[in-house]
Protein backbone atom coordinates (compact mmCIF):
# COMPACT_ATOMS: atom_id res chain seq x y z
CA MET A 1 -51.06 173.40 -16.50
CA TYR A 2 -47.77 175.01 -15.54
CA GLY A 3 -45.82 175.19 -12.27
CA TRP A 4 -42.92 174.11 -10.10
CA VAL A 5 -42.24 170.64 -8.73
CA GLN A 6 -42.55 170.90 -4.97
CA ILE A 7 -42.39 167.27 -3.78
CA LYS A 8 -42.00 164.00 -5.66
CA ARG A 9 -43.01 160.62 -4.22
CA GLU A 10 -42.45 157.27 -5.94
CA HIS A 11 -44.55 154.20 -5.11
CA GLY A 12 -43.85 151.24 -7.35
CA GLY A 13 -45.37 151.96 -10.73
CA VAL A 14 -46.71 155.38 -9.73
CA VAL A 15 -44.98 158.76 -9.30
CA PHE A 16 -46.85 161.46 -7.37
CA VAL A 17 -45.81 165.09 -7.81
CA ASP A 18 -47.09 168.13 -5.94
CA LEU A 19 -47.26 170.86 -8.59
CA ARG A 20 -47.14 174.41 -7.21
CA ASP A 21 -48.07 177.73 -8.71
CA ARG A 22 -49.22 181.04 -7.22
CA SER A 23 -52.69 179.70 -6.48
CA GLY A 24 -51.55 176.66 -4.51
CA ILE A 25 -50.80 172.95 -5.00
CA VAL A 26 -52.37 170.12 -6.97
CA GLN A 27 -51.31 166.47 -7.05
CA LEU A 28 -50.11 165.00 -10.35
CA VAL A 29 -50.24 161.26 -10.98
CA PHE A 30 -47.81 159.59 -13.37
CA ASN A 31 -49.03 155.99 -13.67
CA GLU A 32 -46.82 153.51 -15.53
CA ASN A 33 -49.86 151.61 -16.81
CA HIS A 34 -51.57 154.85 -17.89
CA ASN A 35 -48.64 156.41 -19.79
CA VAL A 36 -45.25 154.74 -19.60
CA GLU A 37 -43.34 157.60 -21.30
CA CYS A 38 -44.68 160.19 -18.86
CA PHE A 39 -43.92 157.83 -15.99
CA LYS A 40 -40.27 157.48 -17.07
CA ALA A 41 -39.89 161.23 -17.55
CA ALA A 42 -41.45 161.92 -14.13
CA SER A 43 -38.83 159.72 -12.47
CA GLU A 44 -36.20 162.28 -13.56
CA LEU A 45 -37.97 165.27 -12.03
CA ARG A 46 -36.39 167.12 -9.13
CA PRO A 47 -37.67 169.81 -6.73
CA GLU A 48 -38.16 173.25 -8.33
CA PHE A 49 -38.08 172.00 -11.91
CA VAL A 50 -40.49 174.07 -14.02
CA ILE A 51 -42.89 171.85 -15.97
CA ARG A 52 -45.95 171.84 -18.21
CA VAL A 53 -48.49 168.99 -18.00
CA VAL A 54 -51.63 168.00 -19.84
CA GLY A 55 -53.94 165.43 -18.33
CA GLU A 56 -57.32 164.38 -16.94
CA ILE A 57 -58.76 165.70 -13.70
CA ARG A 58 -60.01 162.83 -11.54
CA LYS A 59 -61.45 162.47 -8.06
CA ARG A 60 -58.84 161.37 -5.52
CA GLU A 61 -59.26 158.02 -3.84
CA ASN A 62 -57.60 159.42 -0.71
CA PRO A 63 -58.64 163.10 -0.45
CA ASN A 64 -56.40 165.62 1.32
CA PRO A 65 -58.60 167.98 3.38
CA ASN A 66 -55.63 170.27 4.14
CA ILE A 67 -55.48 171.84 0.66
CA PRO A 68 -58.23 173.39 -1.48
CA THR A 69 -57.55 170.96 -4.37
CA GLY A 70 -57.40 167.95 -2.07
CA GLN A 71 -60.46 166.28 -3.59
CA VAL A 72 -58.96 165.95 -7.07
CA GLU A 73 -55.75 165.01 -8.89
CA ILE A 74 -54.46 165.14 -12.45
CA TRP A 75 -53.53 161.97 -14.32
CA VAL A 76 -50.81 163.19 -16.67
CA ASP A 77 -50.81 162.39 -20.40
CA GLU A 78 -48.11 164.87 -21.48
CA LEU A 79 -45.07 166.21 -19.58
CA THR A 80 -42.69 168.93 -20.74
CA VAL A 81 -39.75 170.09 -18.64
CA LEU A 82 -39.50 173.83 -19.30
CA ASN A 83 -36.45 174.33 -17.08
CA THR A 84 -34.36 172.45 -14.57
CA SER A 85 -33.17 173.74 -11.20
CA ASN A 86 -30.10 173.41 -9.06
CA THR A 87 -30.68 172.22 -5.51
CA PRO A 88 -32.06 175.33 -3.74
CA PRO A 89 -29.76 176.74 -1.02
CA ILE A 90 -32.83 177.26 1.22
CA GLY A 91 -35.89 175.09 1.65
CA VAL A 92 -39.21 175.87 0.00
CA VAL A 93 -41.34 173.41 1.95
CA LYS A 94 -39.43 173.61 5.24
CA GLN A 95 -36.74 175.97 6.50
CA GLU A 96 -34.67 174.98 9.50
CA ASP A 97 -31.78 177.03 10.91
CA VAL A 98 -31.77 179.37 7.93
CA SER A 99 -30.48 182.89 8.63
CA GLU A 100 -32.51 185.87 7.50
CA GLU A 101 -29.54 187.11 5.46
CA LEU A 102 -29.52 183.85 3.49
CA ARG A 103 -33.27 184.14 2.96
CA LEU A 104 -32.80 187.67 1.61
CA ARG A 105 -29.85 186.61 -0.55
CA TYR A 106 -32.12 184.08 -2.27
CA ARG A 107 -35.35 186.02 -1.85
CA TYR A 108 -36.76 184.77 -5.17
CA ILE A 109 -36.70 181.27 -3.67
CA ASP A 110 -37.85 182.39 -0.22
CA LEU A 111 -40.92 183.99 -1.84
CA ARG A 112 -41.94 180.57 -3.18
CA ARG A 113 -42.74 179.44 0.36
CA GLU A 114 -46.45 179.29 1.15
CA GLU A 115 -46.19 181.67 4.12
CA MET A 116 -44.34 184.32 2.15
CA ARG A 117 -46.56 183.90 -0.90
CA ASN A 118 -49.66 184.38 1.25
CA ASN A 119 -48.17 187.49 2.88
CA ILE A 120 -47.54 189.15 -0.48
CA ILE A 121 -50.96 188.19 -1.80
CA MET A 122 -52.66 189.58 1.32
CA ARG A 123 -50.62 192.76 1.00
CA HIS A 124 -52.07 193.16 -2.50
CA ARG A 125 -55.60 192.48 -1.25
CA VAL A 126 -55.31 194.98 1.61
CA ALA A 127 -53.98 197.69 -0.72
CA LEU A 128 -56.74 196.94 -3.21
CA GLU A 129 -59.39 197.16 -0.49
CA VAL A 130 -58.02 200.52 0.67
CA SER A 131 -58.18 201.87 -2.89
CA ARG A 132 -61.68 200.51 -3.43
CA TYR A 133 -62.96 201.95 -0.15
CA LEU A 134 -61.47 205.41 -0.69
CA ASN A 135 -62.60 205.52 -4.33
CA ASP A 136 -66.13 204.71 -3.16
CA HIS A 137 -65.90 207.62 -0.70
CA GLY A 138 -65.04 210.18 -3.36
CA PHE A 139 -61.25 210.25 -3.04
CA LEU A 140 -58.87 210.85 -5.94
CA SER A 141 -55.55 209.03 -6.23
CA ILE A 142 -53.00 211.75 -7.05
CA GLU A 143 -49.24 211.33 -7.37
CA THR A 144 -46.79 213.70 -5.71
CA PRO A 145 -43.07 214.22 -6.54
CA PHE A 146 -40.32 211.83 -5.50
CA LEU A 147 -37.57 214.37 -6.21
CA THR A 148 -38.28 217.22 -3.83
CA LYS A 149 -36.63 219.61 -1.39
CA SER A 150 -34.75 218.62 1.75
CA THR A 151 -36.53 219.85 4.88
CA PRO A 152 -35.12 217.60 7.63
CA GLU A 153 -37.18 217.86 10.78
CA GLY A 154 -37.17 214.26 12.05
CA ALA A 155 -35.24 211.47 10.36
CA ARG A 156 -32.44 212.18 7.89
CA ASP A 157 -33.31 212.66 4.24
CA PHE A 158 -31.97 210.52 1.43
CA LEU A 159 -30.22 213.06 -0.81
CA VAL A 160 -29.96 212.87 -4.60
CA PRO A 161 -27.33 215.10 -6.26
CA SER A 162 -28.49 217.13 -9.24
CA ARG A 163 -26.30 216.79 -12.38
CA LEU A 164 -27.89 219.82 -14.05
CA ASN A 165 -27.66 222.00 -10.94
CA ARG A 166 -24.24 221.21 -9.51
CA GLY A 167 -23.86 221.58 -5.79
CA LYS A 168 -27.62 221.24 -5.24
CA PHE A 169 -29.55 218.21 -4.09
CA TYR A 170 -33.00 216.73 -4.26
CA ALA A 171 -34.37 214.75 -1.31
CA LEU A 172 -36.50 211.64 -1.49
CA PRO A 173 -39.71 212.37 0.44
CA GLN A 174 -40.15 211.17 4.01
CA SER A 175 -43.84 211.90 3.44
CA PRO A 176 -45.95 213.73 0.84
CA GLN A 177 -47.10 216.00 3.71
CA ILE A 178 -46.64 219.45 2.18
CA PHE A 179 -47.79 218.43 -1.30
CA LYS A 180 -51.01 216.90 -0.02
CA GLN A 181 -51.71 220.09 1.91
CA LEU A 182 -51.11 222.03 -1.30
CA LEU A 183 -53.62 219.75 -3.02
CA MET A 184 -56.18 220.78 -0.42
CA ILE A 185 -55.41 224.43 -1.13
CA SER A 186 -55.81 223.55 -4.83
CA GLY A 187 -59.39 222.48 -4.17
CA PHE A 188 -59.18 218.73 -4.67
CA GLU A 189 -60.77 218.17 -1.22
CA ARG A 190 -60.26 214.38 -1.00
CA TYR A 191 -56.86 212.92 -1.86
CA TYR A 192 -55.16 209.60 -1.26
CA GLN A 193 -52.03 207.88 -2.44
CA ILE A 194 -50.40 204.53 -1.76
CA VAL A 195 -46.87 205.81 -2.04
CA LYS A 196 -43.22 205.00 -1.38
CA CYS A 197 -41.53 207.12 1.29
CA PHE A 198 -37.90 207.21 2.40
CA ARG A 199 -36.14 207.81 5.72
CA ASP A 200 -32.44 207.49 6.36
CA GLU A 201 -32.74 206.27 9.93
CA ASP A 202 -31.47 203.43 12.09
CA LEU A 203 -33.43 200.29 11.28
CA ARG A 204 -35.25 197.69 13.36
CA ALA A 205 -37.87 194.97 12.87
CA ASP A 206 -40.63 197.41 11.90
CA ARG A 207 -38.54 199.91 9.89
CA GLN A 208 -37.12 200.01 6.37
CA PRO A 209 -35.28 202.81 4.56
CA GLU A 210 -38.06 202.76 1.95
CA PHE A 211 -41.59 201.95 3.00
CA THR A 212 -45.11 202.14 1.61
CA GLN A 213 -47.56 204.65 3.05
CA ILE A 214 -51.33 204.97 2.76
CA ASP A 215 -51.60 208.75 2.60
CA ILE A 216 -54.94 210.53 3.06
CA GLU A 217 -55.97 214.19 3.24
CA VAL A 218 -59.45 215.77 3.39
CA SER A 219 -60.76 219.35 3.39
CA PHE A 220 -63.52 220.74 5.63
CA VAL A 221 -63.24 218.06 8.33
CA GLU A 222 -63.07 217.72 12.08
CA GLU A 223 -61.35 214.92 13.98
CA SER A 224 -64.62 212.97 14.22
CA ASP A 225 -64.87 212.87 10.42
CA ILE A 226 -61.42 211.32 10.13
CA PHE A 227 -62.25 208.75 12.82
CA LYS A 228 -65.47 207.72 11.08
CA LEU A 229 -63.74 207.44 7.69
CA ILE A 230 -60.86 205.33 8.97
CA ASP A 231 -63.09 203.18 11.21
CA GLY A 232 -64.99 202.22 8.07
CA MET A 233 -61.81 201.59 6.10
CA PHE A 234 -60.42 199.11 8.62
CA GLY A 235 -63.85 197.55 8.99
CA ALA A 236 -63.83 196.93 5.23
CA ILE A 237 -60.26 195.56 5.27
CA LEU A 238 -61.00 193.05 8.03
CA LYS A 239 -64.36 192.00 6.60
CA ASN A 240 -63.40 191.67 2.95
CA CYS A 241 -59.81 190.40 3.36
CA TYR A 242 -60.07 188.34 6.55
CA GLY A 243 -63.76 187.64 7.09
CA ILE A 244 -63.68 189.37 10.50
CA SER A 245 -66.30 191.83 11.77
CA LEU A 246 -64.68 194.80 13.52
CA GLU A 247 -66.72 196.32 16.33
CA LEU A 248 -67.28 199.97 15.45
CA PRO A 249 -66.73 202.72 16.34
CA ILE A 250 -63.15 202.09 17.37
CA ARG A 251 -62.49 203.10 20.97
CA ARG A 252 -61.07 206.59 21.52
CA MET A 253 -58.78 207.55 24.38
CA SER A 254 -56.87 210.72 25.18
CA TYR A 255 -53.09 210.72 25.42
CA ASP A 256 -53.32 211.63 29.12
CA GLU A 257 -55.66 208.72 29.83
CA ALA A 258 -53.47 206.28 27.92
CA MET A 259 -50.38 207.31 29.89
CA GLU A 260 -52.26 207.29 33.21
CA ARG A 261 -53.75 203.82 32.74
CA TYR A 262 -51.25 202.04 30.52
CA GLY A 263 -47.98 204.00 30.74
CA SER A 264 -47.83 204.17 26.95
CA ASP A 265 -49.35 206.11 24.08
CA ARG A 266 -49.50 202.77 22.24
CA PRO A 267 -51.42 200.65 24.76
CA ASP A 268 -52.07 196.98 24.13
CA GLN A 269 -55.59 196.59 25.45
CA ARG A 270 -55.49 192.79 25.36
CA ILE A 271 -53.36 192.90 28.51
CA PRO A 272 -55.82 192.75 31.41
CA PHE A 273 -54.06 194.85 34.07
CA GLN A 274 -53.54 198.62 34.29
CA LEU A 275 -51.52 201.16 36.22
CA PHE A 276 -53.20 202.98 39.10
CA ASN A 277 -52.46 206.09 41.10
CA MET A 278 -51.41 205.30 44.68
CA GLU A 279 -51.91 208.81 46.05
CA GLY A 280 -54.78 207.38 48.08
CA PHE A 281 -52.26 205.42 50.12
CA THR A 282 -51.11 208.65 51.77
CA ASP A 283 -53.90 208.52 54.36
CA LEU A 284 -52.21 205.40 55.68
CA LYS A 285 -48.89 205.92 57.42
CA PRO A 286 -46.15 206.29 54.77
CA LYS A 287 -42.56 206.61 55.86
CA GLU A 288 -40.99 210.04 55.72
CA PHE A 289 -39.25 209.40 52.38
CA VAL A 290 -42.55 208.56 50.68
CA SER A 291 -44.52 211.27 52.49
CA ASN A 292 -42.02 214.00 51.63
CA GLY A 293 -41.90 212.92 48.00
CA LEU A 294 -45.66 213.09 47.63
CA GLN A 295 -45.77 216.48 49.36
CA GLN A 296 -43.24 217.71 46.80
CA GLY A 297 -45.58 216.68 43.98
CA LYS A 298 -43.91 213.40 43.10
CA ALA A 299 -46.07 210.74 41.47
CA LEU A 300 -46.61 207.30 43.05
CA TYR A 301 -48.09 204.63 40.78
CA GLY A 302 -48.63 200.92 41.11
CA LEU A 303 -48.99 197.96 38.77
CA LEU A 304 -50.79 194.93 40.22
CA LEU A 305 -49.94 191.65 38.51
CA PRO A 306 -52.31 188.84 39.46
CA GLN A 307 -50.89 185.30 39.61
CA PHE A 308 -47.29 186.43 39.17
CA GLU A 309 -45.71 184.48 41.98
CA GLU A 310 -43.03 183.24 39.55
CA LEU A 311 -41.27 186.64 39.47
CA SER A 312 -37.96 185.88 41.14
CA ARG A 313 -36.01 188.15 43.48
CA LYS A 314 -33.33 188.41 40.77
CA VAL A 315 -35.88 189.75 38.29
CA LEU A 316 -37.27 192.20 40.84
CA ASP A 317 -33.78 193.45 41.72
CA GLY A 318 -33.21 193.94 38.00
CA TYR A 319 -36.30 196.14 37.84
CA THR A 320 -34.83 198.25 40.62
CA GLU A 321 -31.76 198.98 38.52
CA GLN A 322 -33.87 199.59 35.40
CA ALA A 323 -36.05 202.04 37.34
CA ARG A 324 -32.98 204.02 38.38
CA LYS A 325 -31.77 204.23 34.77
CA ALA A 326 -35.25 205.27 33.67
CA GLY A 327 -35.07 208.31 35.96
CA THR A 328 -37.46 207.26 38.74
CA GLU A 329 -36.60 207.82 42.40
CA LEU A 330 -38.07 204.68 43.94
CA PHE A 331 -39.02 201.19 42.86
CA THR A 332 -40.51 198.73 45.34
CA TRP A 333 -42.74 195.68 45.41
CA LEU A 334 -45.17 193.75 47.54
CA LYS A 335 -46.06 190.08 47.28
CA VAL A 336 -49.57 188.95 48.14
CA ASP A 337 -50.16 185.27 48.82
CA LYS A 338 -53.37 184.01 50.43
CA GLY A 339 -53.92 187.38 52.05
CA ALA A 340 -50.39 187.62 53.51
CA MET A 341 -48.17 190.53 52.48
CA SER A 342 -44.37 190.49 52.16
CA GLY A 343 -41.67 192.47 50.44
CA PRO A 344 -39.86 195.80 50.82
CA MET A 345 -43.04 197.85 50.31
CA THR A 346 -44.23 196.80 53.76
CA LYS A 347 -41.29 198.73 55.20
CA LEU A 348 -42.39 201.97 53.52
CA PHE A 349 -45.62 202.15 55.54
CA ASP A 350 -46.21 201.99 59.29
CA ASN A 351 -49.22 199.79 58.72
CA THR A 352 -50.01 196.17 59.13
CA PRO A 353 -49.99 194.00 55.99
CA GLU A 354 -53.74 193.60 56.46
CA GLU A 355 -54.26 197.37 56.27
CA LEU A 356 -52.17 197.52 53.12
CA GLY A 357 -54.16 194.67 51.63
CA ASP A 358 -57.47 196.39 52.40
CA ARG A 359 -56.31 199.58 50.71
CA LEU A 360 -55.04 197.59 47.74
CA ARG A 361 -58.43 195.98 47.30
CA ASP A 362 -60.08 199.41 47.48
CA THR A 363 -58.14 200.78 44.49
CA GLY A 364 -60.21 198.95 41.89
CA ALA A 365 -57.10 198.60 39.72
CA THR A 366 -58.20 195.15 38.58
CA ASP A 367 -60.18 192.19 39.92
CA LEU A 368 -58.70 192.26 43.41
CA ALA A 369 -61.31 190.17 45.14
CA ALA A 370 -59.23 187.11 44.38
CA LEU A 371 -56.23 188.44 46.32
CA LYS A 372 -57.35 186.51 49.38
CA THR A 373 -56.89 183.22 47.55
CA LYS A 374 -54.54 183.78 44.60
CA PRO A 375 -50.94 185.04 44.62
CA ALA A 376 -50.14 188.42 43.11
CA ILE A 377 -47.42 191.03 43.15
CA LEU A 378 -47.68 194.80 43.32
CA LEU A 379 -44.92 196.83 41.66
CA ALA A 380 -44.72 200.52 42.56
CA SER A 381 -42.55 203.44 41.51
CA MET A 382 -42.26 207.06 42.66
CA GLY A 383 -40.71 210.11 41.00
CA GLU A 384 -41.53 212.53 38.22
CA ARG A 385 -44.77 211.48 36.57
CA ALA A 386 -43.51 210.88 33.02
CA PRO A 387 -40.61 208.49 33.77
CA VAL A 388 -42.66 206.64 36.42
CA LEU A 389 -45.55 205.99 34.03
CA THR A 390 -43.28 205.08 31.13
CA PHE A 391 -41.23 202.66 33.23
CA LEU A 392 -44.25 200.83 34.66
CA GLY A 393 -45.88 200.84 31.23
CA ARG A 394 -42.89 199.06 29.77
CA ILE A 395 -43.04 196.37 32.46
CA ARG A 396 -46.78 196.01 31.82
CA ALA A 397 -46.15 195.43 28.11
CA GLU A 398 -43.31 192.95 28.71
CA LEU A 399 -45.06 190.87 31.35
CA GLY A 400 -48.48 191.16 29.73
CA GLN A 401 -47.53 188.71 27.03
CA LYS A 402 -47.32 185.99 29.66
CA THR A 403 -50.86 186.55 30.89
CA VAL A 404 -52.94 186.93 27.77
CA GLU A 405 -54.54 183.72 26.58
CA GLN A 406 -53.22 182.44 23.27
CA GLU A 407 -56.50 182.98 21.46
CA ASP A 408 -56.60 186.59 22.66
CA TRP A 409 -53.33 187.31 20.90
CA LYS A 410 -55.20 186.77 17.64
CA ARG A 411 -57.77 189.40 18.59
CA PHE A 412 -57.50 192.81 16.96
CA ALA A 413 -57.74 195.49 19.67
CA PHE A 414 -57.81 198.85 17.89
CA CYS A 415 -57.73 202.18 19.70
CA TRP A 416 -57.55 205.85 18.76
CA ILE A 417 -55.18 207.97 20.88
CA THR A 418 -56.08 211.66 20.76
CA ASP A 419 -55.10 215.04 22.21
CA PHE A 420 -51.33 214.64 22.17
CA PRO A 421 -49.13 217.45 23.48
CA LEU A 422 -48.27 219.92 20.75
CA PHE A 423 -44.60 220.17 21.75
CA GLU A 424 -42.08 218.33 23.89
CA TRP A 425 -38.67 219.35 25.13
CA SER A 426 -35.70 217.65 23.47
CA GLU A 427 -32.54 217.47 25.55
CA GLU A 428 -30.67 216.28 22.47
CA VAL A 429 -31.22 219.50 20.51
CA GLY A 430 -31.85 221.78 23.50
CA ARG A 431 -35.20 223.16 22.36
CA MET A 432 -38.84 222.31 21.84
CA VAL A 433 -39.75 219.92 19.02
CA SER A 434 -43.11 218.93 17.55
CA VAL A 435 -44.58 215.72 18.95
CA HIS A 436 -46.03 214.92 15.51
CA HIS A 437 -44.85 217.49 12.94
CA PRO A 438 -44.81 221.30 12.69
CA PHE A 439 -47.94 221.42 10.51
CA THR A 440 -50.16 220.03 13.28
CA SER A 441 -52.84 222.44 14.45
CA PRO A 442 -52.92 223.40 18.13
CA GLN A 443 -56.28 223.08 19.89
CA SER A 444 -56.26 226.86 20.30
CA ASP A 445 -55.42 229.39 17.58
CA ASP A 446 -54.83 232.04 20.27
CA LEU A 447 -51.34 233.30 19.40
CA THR A 448 -50.81 234.69 22.90
CA ALA A 449 -51.56 231.27 24.41
CA LEU A 450 -49.02 229.73 22.03
CA GLU A 451 -46.43 232.19 23.25
CA ARG A 452 -47.33 232.00 26.94
CA ASP A 453 -47.32 228.25 27.72
CA PRO A 454 -46.46 226.18 24.65
CA LEU A 455 -45.33 223.01 26.46
CA ASN A 456 -48.76 222.61 28.06
CA LEU A 457 -50.71 223.03 24.82
CA LYS A 458 -52.59 220.13 23.28
CA SER A 459 -52.66 219.40 19.57
CA ARG A 460 -55.40 218.24 17.24
CA SER A 461 -53.51 215.05 16.48
CA TYR A 462 -54.38 211.38 16.69
CA ASP A 463 -52.79 207.95 16.27
CA LEU A 464 -54.41 204.62 15.49
CA VAL A 465 -52.98 201.77 17.59
CA LEU A 466 -53.45 198.03 17.11
CA ASN A 467 -52.35 195.56 19.79
CA GLY A 468 -49.73 197.94 21.15
CA VAL A 469 -48.34 198.99 17.75
CA GLU A 470 -48.92 202.37 16.12
CA LEU A 471 -50.33 201.82 12.63
CA GLY A 472 -50.38 205.47 11.66
CA GLY A 473 -51.05 208.99 12.77
CA GLY A 474 -52.41 212.29 11.58
CA SER A 475 -53.85 215.62 12.59
CA ILE A 476 -55.97 218.55 11.69
CA ARG A 477 -53.51 220.85 9.92
CA ILE A 478 -52.71 224.51 10.35
CA HIS A 479 -54.43 226.53 7.61
CA SER A 480 -53.50 230.01 8.87
CA ARG A 481 -50.18 231.56 7.83
CA ALA A 482 -49.94 233.53 11.10
CA VAL A 483 -50.32 230.37 13.22
CA GLN A 484 -47.89 228.42 11.04
CA GLU A 485 -45.26 231.16 11.32
CA LYS A 486 -45.72 231.25 15.09
CA ILE A 487 -45.18 227.47 15.30
CA PHE A 488 -41.98 227.75 13.28
CA THR A 489 -40.78 230.51 15.62
CA LEU A 490 -41.51 228.43 18.74
CA LEU A 491 -39.52 225.58 17.19
CA GLY A 492 -36.49 227.87 17.08
CA MET A 493 -36.69 228.58 13.35
CA SER A 494 -35.80 232.07 12.17
CA LYS A 495 -37.98 233.82 9.60
CA GLU A 496 -35.23 233.39 7.04
CA GLU A 497 -34.91 229.65 7.70
CA ALA A 498 -38.70 229.17 7.65
CA HIS A 499 -38.94 230.99 4.35
CA ARG A 500 -36.03 229.02 2.87
CA LYS A 501 -37.51 225.66 3.85
CA PHE A 502 -41.26 226.28 3.66
CA GLY A 503 -41.73 229.59 1.88
CA PHE A 504 -43.89 228.05 -0.86
CA LEU A 505 -46.28 226.59 1.77
CA LEU A 506 -46.47 229.85 3.73
CA GLU A 507 -47.26 231.69 0.51
CA ALA A 508 -49.95 229.17 -0.43
CA LEU A 509 -51.65 229.57 2.96
CA GLN A 510 -52.43 233.18 1.96
CA TYR A 511 -54.62 232.12 -0.95
CA GLY A 512 -57.79 230.70 0.57
CA ALA A 513 -56.44 227.62 2.35
CA PRO A 514 -59.41 225.56 3.60
CA PRO A 515 -59.52 223.83 7.00
CA HIS A 516 -58.15 220.34 6.36
CA GLY A 517 -56.72 217.28 8.02
CA GLY A 518 -55.47 213.83 7.24
CA ILE A 519 -53.65 210.72 8.29
CA ALA A 520 -50.97 208.34 7.02
CA PHE A 521 -50.53 204.62 7.67
CA GLY A 522 -47.64 202.27 7.08
CA LEU A 523 -49.01 199.61 4.72
CA ASP A 524 -46.11 197.29 5.59
CA ARG A 525 -46.89 197.55 9.31
CA ILE A 526 -50.63 197.01 8.80
CA VAL A 527 -50.05 193.81 6.83
CA MET A 528 -47.41 192.64 9.33
CA MET A 529 -49.91 192.96 12.17
CA LEU A 530 -52.84 191.41 10.33
CA GLN A 531 -50.70 188.50 9.13
CA GLY A 532 -49.30 187.90 12.62
CA GLU A 533 -45.68 188.44 11.60
CA ASP A 534 -42.95 189.88 13.84
CA SER A 535 -41.09 191.81 11.14
CA ILE A 536 -42.19 193.98 8.23
CA ARG A 537 -39.46 192.31 6.18
CA ASP A 538 -41.74 189.27 6.01
CA VAL A 539 -44.44 191.23 4.17
CA ILE A 540 -42.17 193.16 1.76
CA PRO A 541 -41.08 191.34 -1.41
CA PHE A 542 -37.49 192.66 -1.50
CA PRO A 543 -36.54 194.31 1.83
CA THR A 544 -33.13 195.31 3.11
CA THR A 545 -31.40 194.03 6.22
CA THR A 546 -31.25 195.99 9.48
CA SER A 547 -28.03 197.56 8.18
CA GLY A 548 -29.86 198.91 5.13
CA THR A 549 -28.17 196.57 2.64
CA SER A 550 -29.61 194.15 0.12
CA PRO A 551 -27.90 190.73 0.13
CA LEU A 552 -29.75 190.01 -3.13
CA SER A 553 -28.64 192.96 -5.29
CA GLY A 554 -25.63 194.18 -3.31
CA ALA A 555 -27.09 197.67 -2.85
CA PRO A 556 -25.82 200.14 -1.82
CA ASP A 557 -22.71 199.92 -3.94
CA MET A 558 -19.80 202.05 -5.15
CA VAL A 559 -20.14 204.11 -8.31
CA SER A 560 -17.45 204.95 -10.83
CA PRO A 561 -15.28 208.07 -10.63
CA GLU A 562 -16.82 209.14 -13.93
CA GLN A 563 -20.31 209.12 -12.43
CA LEU A 564 -19.12 211.17 -9.46
CA SER A 565 -17.35 213.63 -11.75
CA GLU A 566 -20.55 214.20 -13.76
CA LEU A 567 -22.26 215.20 -10.52
CA GLY A 568 -19.41 217.42 -9.36
CA LEU A 569 -18.73 215.15 -6.38
CA ARG A 570 -15.73 213.41 -4.89
CA LEU A 571 -15.42 211.06 -1.92
CA LEU A 572 -13.48 212.03 1.19
């Protein structure tokens, strides 16, 4: 047996060693009376030495129920030290006050820890289950190019200079999107790929410059076919990798419903409370400011938080400032304690607190029957609908973590979000942009409707959300050249620019392109969520830091002037 020394314990004439390999830990016994030479050699062992042992498997007198091999131990007859080890700069058994940068600098040691080892093994098992499931459903794994053309529409591309074509550049793919659509046009019908993708964007806990994507595309499908396929895939992952039965079909919810009820297109359904429309309060006696706002079409929404008496006035005043920055016109609140009402909201209505309380109980926003006995707080905001919903949705997500029972946080609450807007207005670029991407099919192929009211059009797109985190998204694609050209035009792209960037796709759409659709998931993010980690860096063997650097290898690094000269480049 081979492995690393994890812990050594000496008790008189016996040395116990926990031997670790990829599969786990087993206890070695070096008994002076059994083999004196092995006993002496074992006394010289140190943590992380690499050793080989030969011995007899025996039943342990004191079993350890916390490890799979806890019923047995190995009495060693032969010991060979294959390599020694310096004292590791980070702990393998325990890590206290160790920075992430130090962990990444010595990642090969960090990966020896049980938590990290289990994460990488489960990543392999999830990827294997995805491949097995899709293979069983008639999909082909097909590779697409890594060196392709730059078509920046969202994040920045990573550019690769061409030595043979000076002054020209390849781009590393942000997604195999166009190539998988071309595969559908080629007649392959069912494609998948577990593939590296690259985005030169600002990083955070759930982003990396290179990431792994589960990429899927299917011909002759509707949205319901994609939902059924992916429902089954995640059902297989949870059952075969985690022993959990996923209730199917996964719930489906429109984008408009998600925003109306949760203030987010990534709702965490484990949180028990929801937003509710307070327009019904207008038949009370709102003050002129509120009344005029509602008459002008402003939105008024509330968020009732049961048993939140601990929210201090300082916190509530902070929400007022946050609401202003978020673009709402009013933020107010009302405390409910044993049926009594207090707070600035009472001053916005010429009603008694009892009348407000009755109306509150009539909304059905949550279980309000307990308001007569348990404290609660109502937060409300008025203004344009989008910023009001988004602001209250953010508070819901932040405060919701304090209300969900610990065991519920381990529950997997999946949800499909459908019917996204096709376009949204970007103040940054001063034009419409695609909510998903420009190859997403609108719900209507009527070209005049596209021209007439594009910002109110819905798309045939969908996202899969787990516990408030988007795992992936997709859409039914455009398979008509005329519709695709119209979309490019609405996005402010001239015919010349569209042809330069996507001419090969537009040409291909003329040659019998079938109806098709697909979806892509971040494998790193899926494993992060299923493993209960807070960062995708904890499920990637060799990630970069949030600044995009590798403390282990030193990448990115300078290159020689000779290398730059070969490429026809110089640094400014």
